[in-house]
């Protein structure tokens, strides 16, 4: 059982590092868009932008995920799931747009 737990912790660390590197790249390319897509405030974006490689590695080594699902709302999940089911029927674009609007409102509440 310990081997499985250690493997999971290693995978968490890998996800953390990939997320931090991606977030930093996005922020440096277009801060405003990155803040929207990552769902973070300007202060958080500034901190992530300024992290050194050694700081990235240290933070990535945490035993828990540093990223999370931004949408904890059943409505958003249902819209996203229905988007994939209804894409072929031609109504998926509306559901996807509605999901984006709901998520954008959640970001505005955080910021």
Protein backbone atom coordinates (compact mmCIF):
# COMPACT_ATOMS: atom_id res chain seq x y z
CA UNK A 1 0.00 0.00 0.00
CA UNK A 2 2.89 2.34 0.75
CA UNK A 3 4.17 2.00 -2.82
CA UNK A 4 0.83 3.13 -4.20
CA UNK A 5 0.73 6.12 -1.87
CA UNK A 6 4.28 7.13 -2.81
CA UNK A 7 3.42 6.81 -6.50
CA UNK A 8 0.35 9.03 -6.02
CA UNK A 9 2.40 11.63 -4.16
CA UNK A 10 4.95 11.64 -6.98
CA UNK A 11 2.17 12.13 -9.51
CA UNK A 12 0.81 15.04 -7.44
CA UNK A 13 4.27 16.63 -7.48
CA UNK A 14 4.50 16.21 -11.25
CA UNK A 15 1.08 17.79 -11.77
CA UNK A 16 2.04 20.65 -9.45
CA UNK A 17 5.21 21.37 -11.38
CA UNK A 18 3.48 21.15 -14.76
CA UNK A 19 0.72 23.47 -13.54
CA UNK A 20 3.17 26.04 -12.15
CA UNK A 21 5.29 26.05 -15.30
CA UNK A 22 2.21 26.37 -17.49
CA UNK A 23 0.75 29.12 -15.29
CA UNK A 24 4.01 31.06 -15.31
CA UNK A 25 4.27 30.76 -19.09
CA UNK A 26 0.66 31.90 -19.55
CA UNK A 27 1.14 34.87 -17.21
CA UNK A 28 4.27 35.99 -19.00
CA UNK A 29 2.60 35.70 -22.40
CA UNK A 30 -0.64 37.55 -21.50
CA UNK A 31 -1.27 38.34 -17.85
CA UNK A 32 -4.91 39.41 -18.18
CA UNK A 33 -5.89 36.36 -20.19
CA UNK A 34 -3.92 34.08 -17.87
CA UNK A 35 -5.68 35.50 -14.82
CA UNK A 36 -9.03 34.74 -16.47
CA UNK A 37 -8.09 31.25 -17.62
CA UNK A 38 -6.38 30.28 -14.36
CA UNK A 39 -9.00 31.95 -12.17
CA UNK A 40 -6.45 33.82 -10.08
CA UNK A 41 -6.15 37.38 -8.83
CA UNK A 42 -3.57 39.85 -10.07
CA UNK A 43 -1.63 39.45 -6.82
CA UNK A 44 -1.38 35.68 -7.26
CA UNK A 45 -0.41 36.09 -10.92
CA UNK A 46 2.38 38.48 -9.90
CA UNK A 47 3.73 36.05 -7.31
CA UNK A 48 3.68 33.12 -9.74
CA UNK A 49 5.37 35.25 -12.41
CA UNK A 50 8.23 36.07 -10.05
CA UNK A 51 8.93 32.52 -8.83
CA UNK A 52 12.45 31.25 -9.47
CA UNK A 53 13.02 27.72 -10.77
CA UNK A 54 14.07 26.54 -7.29
CA UNK A 55 10.93 28.08 -5.78
CA UNK A 56 8.83 26.33 -8.42
CA UNK A 57 10.41 23.00 -7.49
CA UNK A 58 9.93 23.59 -3.76
CA UNK A 59 6.26 24.51 -4.15
CA UNK A 60 5.65 21.64 -6.57
CA UNK A 61 6.98 19.24 -3.94
CA UNK A 62 3.94 19.82 -1.73
CA UNK A 63 1.99 16.73 -0.73
CA UNK A 64 -1.25 18.20 -2.02
CA UNK A 65 -2.43 19.62 -5.31
CA UNK A 66 -1.86 23.35 -5.62
CA UNK A 67 -4.44 23.68 -8.38
CA UNK A 68 -8.11 22.92 -8.00
CA UNK A 69 -11.25 22.71 -10.04
CA UNK A 70 -12.49 26.27 -10.34
CA UNK A 71 -16.10 25.32 -10.65
CA UNK A 72 -17.65 23.64 -7.65
CA UNK A 73 -21.11 24.30 -9.00
CA UNK A 74 -23.27 21.44 -10.29
CA UNK A 75 -24.75 23.81 -12.86
CA UNK A 76 -21.36 24.34 -14.51
CA UNK A 77 -20.54 20.63 -14.49
CA UNK A 78 -23.91 19.79 -16.01
CA UNK A 79 -23.43 22.44 -18.70
CA UNK A 80 -19.98 21.10 -19.54
CA UNK A 81 -21.18 17.50 -19.64
CA UNK A 82 -24.21 18.38 -21.74
CA UNK A 83 -21.92 20.40 -24.02
CA UNK A 84 -20.04 17.26 -25.02
CA UNK A 85 -23.25 15.24 -25.41
CA UNK A 86 -25.08 17.86 -27.45
CA UNK A 87 -22.16 18.95 -29.61
CA UNK A 88 -23.24 16.62 -32.37
CA UNK A 89 -26.81 17.91 -32.10
CA UNK A 90 -25.67 21.49 -32.62
CA UNK A 91 -26.79 22.88 -29.25
CA UNK A 92 -23.46 22.35 -27.49
CA UNK A 93 -22.21 25.82 -28.39
CA UNK A 94 -24.96 27.43 -26.31
CA UNK A 95 -24.26 25.19 -23.30
CA UNK A 96 -20.52 25.88 -23.59
CA UNK A 97 -21.13 29.62 -23.78
CA UNK A 98 -23.42 29.46 -20.76
CA UNK A 99 -20.76 27.51 -18.81
CA UNK A 100 -18.16 30.16 -19.71
CA UNK A 101 -20.47 32.93 -18.52
CA UNK A 102 -21.11 31.18 -15.19
CA UNK A 103 -17.38 30.55 -14.68
CA UNK A 104 -16.52 34.15 -15.55
CA UNK A 105 -18.98 35.30 -12.89
CA UNK A 106 -17.26 33.06 -10.34
CA UNK A 107 -13.89 34.59 -11.25
CA UNK A 108 -15.31 38.09 -10.79
CA UNK A 109 -16.51 37.07 -7.31
CA UNK A 110 -13.01 35.85 -6.36
CA UNK A 111 -11.15 38.89 -7.77
